[in-house]
Amino acid sequence: MGRSEDALRELSMAVTLRANEASILCNSACLYCSLGRKPEALDALRKAWEAGFRDSVWARRDPDLSLLHGDPEFERLYPEKPAVTHQNVAHS
C-alpha cells in the first residue's frame, strides 16, 4: 500500500469520527488537492464551509488548495475580499 492510500485511509477514519469538524474537512480538501482529485476536494471544502470554515483570506492563500483556486465553486464559497484602503474605511 502506498503513502497516498495510507493518507486516504487515515482521512476516512478522521472524517468518520468527526464528520462535521471544519478543520478535518478542510484538511481533507488539501489532501484531495495534493492527489489531483478536484471533485473530491471541492466536495470536502464545501462541507468545511458548511461546518464553519469561512475564512476566504486563508483559503485563497493556502497553497495546498491551489488546485481549486479560480474554480467557480471555490470563488463562490471563498470570494476575494476587497483590500482595505483609506477610501473604504469609515471615518468617525
N, C-alpha and C. Protein backbone atom coordinates (compact mmCIF):
# COMPACT_ATOMS: atom_id res chain seq x y z
N MET A 1 0.85 -1.18 0.00
CA MET A 1 0.00 0.00 0.00
C MET A 1 0.90 1.24 0.00
N GLY A 2 0.61 2.19 -0.90
CA GLY A 2 1.40 3.40 -0.99
C GLY A 2 1.02 4.44 0.04
N ARG A 3 1.80 5.50 0.08
CA ARG A 3 1.54 6.58 1.04
C ARG A 3 0.20 7.26 0.77
N SER A 4 -0.17 7.39 -0.48
CA SER A 4 -1.47 8.00 -0.80
C SER A 4 -2.61 7.19 -0.22
N GLU A 5 -2.51 5.88 -0.37
CA GLU A 5 -3.56 5.00 0.16
C GLU A 5 -3.61 5.09 1.69
N ASP A 6 -2.43 5.18 2.32
CA ASP A 6 -2.37 5.35 3.78
C ASP A 6 -3.08 6.64 4.20
N ALA A 7 -2.77 7.71 3.48
CA ALA A 7 -3.35 9.01 3.81
C ALA A 7 -4.87 8.98 3.63
N LEU A 8 -5.33 8.37 2.56
CA LEU A 8 -6.78 8.29 2.32
C LEU A 8 -7.47 7.44 3.38
N ARG A 9 -6.83 6.38 3.81
CA ARG A 9 -7.40 5.53 4.86
C ARG A 9 -7.51 6.31 6.16
N GLU A 10 -6.44 7.02 6.52
CA GLU A 10 -6.46 7.83 7.75
C GLU A 10 -7.50 8.94 7.65
N LEU A 11 -7.60 9.56 6.49
CA LEU A 11 -8.59 10.60 6.27
C LEU A 11 -10.00 10.06 6.45
N SER A 12 -10.25 8.91 5.88
CA SER A 12 -11.57 8.29 6.01
C SER A 12 -11.92 8.05 7.47
N MET A 13 -10.95 7.60 8.24
CA MET A 13 -11.19 7.36 9.66
C MET A 13 -11.49 8.68 10.39
N ALA A 14 -10.71 9.71 10.09
CA ALA A 14 -10.91 11.01 10.75
C ALA A 14 -12.28 11.59 10.42
N VAL A 15 -12.67 11.51 9.15
CA VAL A 15 -13.97 12.05 8.74
C VAL A 15 -15.10 11.24 9.36
N THR A 16 -14.91 9.94 9.48
CA THR A 16 -15.93 9.09 10.11
C THR A 16 -16.11 9.49 11.58
N LEU A 17 -15.00 9.73 12.26
CA LEU A 17 -15.07 10.07 13.68
C LEU A 17 -15.57 11.48 13.94
N ARG A 18 -15.26 12.40 13.03
CA ARG A 18 -15.64 13.82 13.22
C ARG A 18 -16.14 14.40 11.90
N ALA A 19 -17.27 13.91 11.46
CA ALA A 19 -17.80 14.24 10.13
C ALA A 19 -18.12 15.71 9.94
N ASN A 20 -18.36 16.45 11.01
CA ASN A 20 -18.75 17.85 10.87
C ASN A 20 -17.71 18.81 11.43
N GLU A 21 -16.48 18.37 11.55
CA GLU A 21 -15.42 19.25 12.06
C GLU A 21 -14.73 19.95 10.89
N ALA A 22 -14.86 21.27 10.87
CA ALA A 22 -14.37 22.06 9.75
C ALA A 22 -12.88 21.83 9.46
N SER A 23 -12.05 21.74 10.51
CA SER A 23 -10.61 21.58 10.27
C SER A 23 -10.30 20.25 9.59
N ILE A 24 -11.00 19.20 9.95
CA ILE A 24 -10.77 17.90 9.30
C ILE A 24 -11.24 17.94 7.86
N LEU A 25 -12.36 18.57 7.62
CA LEU A 25 -12.88 18.67 6.26
C LEU A 25 -11.97 19.53 5.39
N CYS A 26 -11.45 20.61 5.95
CA CYS A 26 -10.53 21.46 5.20
C CYS A 26 -9.23 20.70 4.89
N ASN A 27 -8.72 19.97 5.87
CA ASN A 27 -7.52 19.18 5.63
C ASN A 27 -7.77 18.08 4.61
N SER A 28 -8.98 17.55 4.58
CA SER A 28 -9.28 16.53 3.58
C SER A 28 -9.28 17.16 2.18
N ALA A 29 -9.78 18.38 2.07
CA ALA A 29 -9.72 19.08 0.78
C ALA A 29 -8.27 19.27 0.34
N CYS A 30 -7.40 19.60 1.29
CA CYS A 30 -5.98 19.77 0.96
C CYS A 30 -5.38 18.45 0.47
N LEU A 31 -5.70 17.35 1.15
CA LEU A 31 -5.19 16.05 0.72
C LEU A 31 -5.68 15.70 -0.68
N TYR A 32 -6.98 15.87 -0.91
CA TYR A 32 -7.51 15.56 -2.24
C TYR A 32 -6.85 16.43 -3.31
N CYS A 33 -6.59 17.69 -3.01
CA CYS A 33 -5.89 18.55 -3.97
C CYS A 33 -4.50 18.00 -4.27
N SER A 34 -3.79 17.58 -3.23
CA SER A 34 -2.43 17.07 -3.44
C SER A 34 -2.43 15.81 -4.29
N LEU A 35 -3.54 15.09 -4.30
CA LEU A 35 -3.67 13.88 -5.11
C LEU A 35 -4.29 14.16 -6.48
N GLY A 36 -4.60 15.46 -6.74
CA GLY A 36 -5.20 15.83 -8.02
C GLY A 36 -6.65 15.43 -8.17
N ARG A 37 -7.33 15.22 -7.06
CA ARG A 37 -8.72 14.77 -7.07
C ARG A 37 -9.64 15.96 -6.80
N LYS A 38 -9.79 16.78 -7.82
CA LYS A 38 -10.51 18.05 -7.69
C LYS A 38 -11.98 17.90 -7.26
N PRO A 39 -12.75 16.98 -7.85
CA PRO A 39 -14.16 16.88 -7.40
C PRO A 39 -14.28 16.57 -5.91
N GLU A 40 -13.45 15.64 -5.42
CA GLU A 40 -13.49 15.29 -4.00
C GLU A 40 -13.02 16.45 -3.14
N ALA A 41 -12.02 17.19 -3.63
CA ALA A 41 -11.51 18.35 -2.90
C ALA A 41 -12.59 19.42 -2.77
N LEU A 42 -13.29 19.70 -3.86
CA LEU A 42 -14.37 20.70 -3.82
C LEU A 42 -15.49 20.26 -2.88
N ASP A 43 -15.83 18.99 -2.93
CA ASP A 43 -16.88 18.48 -2.05
C ASP A 43 -16.47 18.63 -0.58
N ALA A 44 -15.22 18.28 -0.26
CA ALA A 44 -14.73 18.40 1.12
C ALA A 44 -14.71 19.87 1.55
N LEU A 45 -14.28 20.76 0.65
CA LEU A 45 -14.20 22.17 1.00
C LEU A 45 -15.60 22.77 1.18
N ARG A 46 -16.54 22.32 0.37
CA ARG A 46 -17.93 22.76 0.52
C ARG A 46 -18.46 22.33 1.89
N LYS A 47 -18.16 21.11 2.29
CA LYS A 47 -18.59 20.62 3.60
C LYS A 47 -17.88 21.39 4.72
N ALA A 48 -16.62 21.75 4.51
CA ALA A 48 -15.88 22.55 5.50
C ALA A 48 -16.55 23.92 5.65
N TRP A 49 -16.97 24.51 4.54
CA TRP A 49 -17.65 25.80 4.58
C TRP A 49 -18.95 25.67 5.37
N GLU A 50 -19.71 24.60 5.09
CA GLU A 50 -20.97 24.37 5.80
C GLU A 50 -20.74 24.14 7.30
N ALA A 51 -19.57 23.58 7.64
CA ALA A 51 -19.23 23.32 9.05
C ALA A 51 -18.64 24.54 9.74
N GLY A 52 -18.44 25.63 9.00
CA GLY A 52 -17.98 26.86 9.63
C GLY A 52 -16.67 27.44 9.15
N PHE A 53 -15.97 26.75 8.25
CA PHE A 53 -14.71 27.32 7.73
C PHE A 53 -15.05 28.30 6.62
N ARG A 54 -15.03 29.59 6.97
CA ARG A 54 -15.45 30.63 6.03
C ARG A 54 -14.36 31.66 5.78
N ASP A 55 -13.13 31.34 6.12
CA ASP A 55 -12.02 32.29 6.02
C ASP A 55 -11.50 32.36 4.59
N SER A 56 -12.03 33.31 3.82
CA SER A 56 -11.64 33.48 2.42
C SER A 56 -10.16 33.79 2.27
N VAL A 57 -9.63 34.62 3.14
CA VAL A 57 -8.23 35.00 3.04
C VAL A 57 -7.34 33.77 3.18
N TRP A 58 -7.62 32.96 4.18
CA TRP A 58 -6.82 31.75 4.39
C TRP A 58 -6.95 30.79 3.21
N ALA A 59 -8.19 30.53 2.79
CA ALA A 59 -8.43 29.58 1.70
C ALA A 59 -7.75 30.03 0.41
N ARG A 60 -7.76 31.32 0.15
CA ARG A 60 -7.17 31.83 -1.09
C ARG A 60 -5.65 31.85 -1.03
N ARG A 61 -5.08 31.89 0.17
CA ARG A 61 -3.61 31.90 0.30
C ARG A 61 -3.02 30.52 0.53
N ASP A 62 -3.85 29.54 0.85
CA ASP A 62 -3.36 28.21 1.16
C ASP A 62 -2.86 27.52 -0.11
N PRO A 63 -1.55 27.28 -0.21
CA PRO A 63 -1.02 26.65 -1.42
C PRO A 63 -1.53 25.22 -1.60
N ASP A 64 -1.95 24.58 -0.51
CA ASP A 64 -2.48 23.22 -0.62
C ASP A 64 -3.81 23.19 -1.35
N LEU A 65 -4.49 24.32 -1.43
CA LEU A 65 -5.77 24.40 -2.13
C LEU A 65 -5.65 25.01 -3.52
N SER A 66 -4.43 25.20 -3.99
CA SER A 66 -4.22 25.91 -5.26
C SER A 66 -4.91 25.25 -6.45
N LEU A 67 -5.12 23.95 -6.40
CA LEU A 67 -5.85 23.26 -7.47
C LEU A 67 -7.25 23.84 -7.64
N LEU A 68 -7.82 24.34 -6.56
CA LEU A 68 -9.19 24.85 -6.58
C LEU A 68 -9.28 26.34 -6.88
N HIS A 69 -8.18 27.06 -6.70
CA HIS A 69 -8.19 28.50 -6.91
C HIS A 69 -8.62 28.80 -8.35
N GLY A 70 -9.60 29.67 -8.47
CA GLY A 70 -10.12 30.05 -9.78
C GLY A 70 -11.33 29.22 -10.21
N ASP A 71 -11.60 28.11 -9.54
CA ASP A 71 -12.78 27.32 -9.85
C ASP A 71 -14.03 28.10 -9.45
N PRO A 72 -15.08 28.10 -10.27
CA PRO A 72 -16.29 28.88 -9.93
C PRO A 72 -16.88 28.54 -8.56
N GLU A 73 -16.90 27.27 -8.20
CA GLU A 73 -17.45 26.90 -6.89
C GLU A 73 -16.57 27.42 -5.76
N PHE A 74 -15.26 27.34 -5.92
CA PHE A 74 -14.34 27.88 -4.93
C PHE A 74 -14.55 29.39 -4.80
N GLU A 75 -14.65 30.08 -5.92
CA GLU A 75 -14.84 31.53 -5.91
C GLU A 75 -16.16 31.92 -5.26
N ARG A 76 -17.18 31.09 -5.42
CA ARG A 76 -18.48 31.37 -4.79
C ARG A 76 -18.37 31.22 -3.27
N LEU A 77 -17.71 30.15 -2.83
CA LEU A 77 -17.58 29.90 -1.39
C LEU A 77 -16.62 30.87 -0.71
N TYR A 78 -15.53 31.16 -1.40
CA TYR A 78 -14.45 31.97 -0.81
C TYR A 78 -14.11 33.15 -1.73
N PRO A 79 -15.02 34.13 -1.80
CA PRO A 79 -14.77 35.27 -2.68
C PRO A 79 -13.60 36.12 -2.19
N GLU A 80 -12.97 36.77 -3.14
CA GLU A 80 -11.86 37.65 -2.80
C GLU A 80 -12.39 38.84 -2.02
N LYS A 81 -11.73 39.13 -0.91
CA LYS A 81 -12.14 40.27 -0.08
C LYS A 81 -11.46 41.52 -0.62
N PRO A 82 -12.19 42.63 -0.68
CA PRO A 82 -11.56 43.87 -1.14
C PRO A 82 -10.50 44.33 -0.14
N ALA A 83 -9.46 44.90 -0.65
CA ALA A 83 -8.39 45.42 0.20
C ALA A 83 -8.91 46.63 0.97
N VAL A 84 -8.46 46.78 2.18
CA VAL A 84 -8.84 47.93 2.99
C VAL A 84 -7.95 49.10 2.60
N THR A 85 -8.59 50.19 2.22
CA THR A 85 -7.86 51.41 1.85
C THR A 85 -8.46 52.57 2.61
N HIS A 86 -7.85 53.72 2.49
CA HIS A 86 -8.39 54.92 3.14
C HIS A 86 -9.76 55.27 2.61
N GLN A 87 -10.03 54.97 1.34
CA GLN A 87 -11.31 55.32 0.75
C GLN A 87 -12.46 54.49 1.31
N ASN A 88 -12.19 53.22 1.68
CA ASN A 88 -13.31 52.41 2.15
C ASN A 88 -13.27 52.16 3.65
N VAL A 89 -12.54 53.00 4.38
CA VAL A 89 -12.53 52.95 5.83
C VAL A 89 -13.41 54.09 6.33
N ALA A 90 -14.37 53.76 7.17
CA ALA A 90 -15.28 54.79 7.70
C ALA A 90 -14.52 55.72 8.63
N HIS A 91 -14.77 56.98 8.47
CA HIS A 91 -14.16 58.00 9.35
C HIS A 91 -15.17 58.41 10.41
N SER A 92 -14.71 58.56 11.64
CA SER A 92 -15.63 58.97 12.71
C SER A 92 -15.60 60.45 12.91
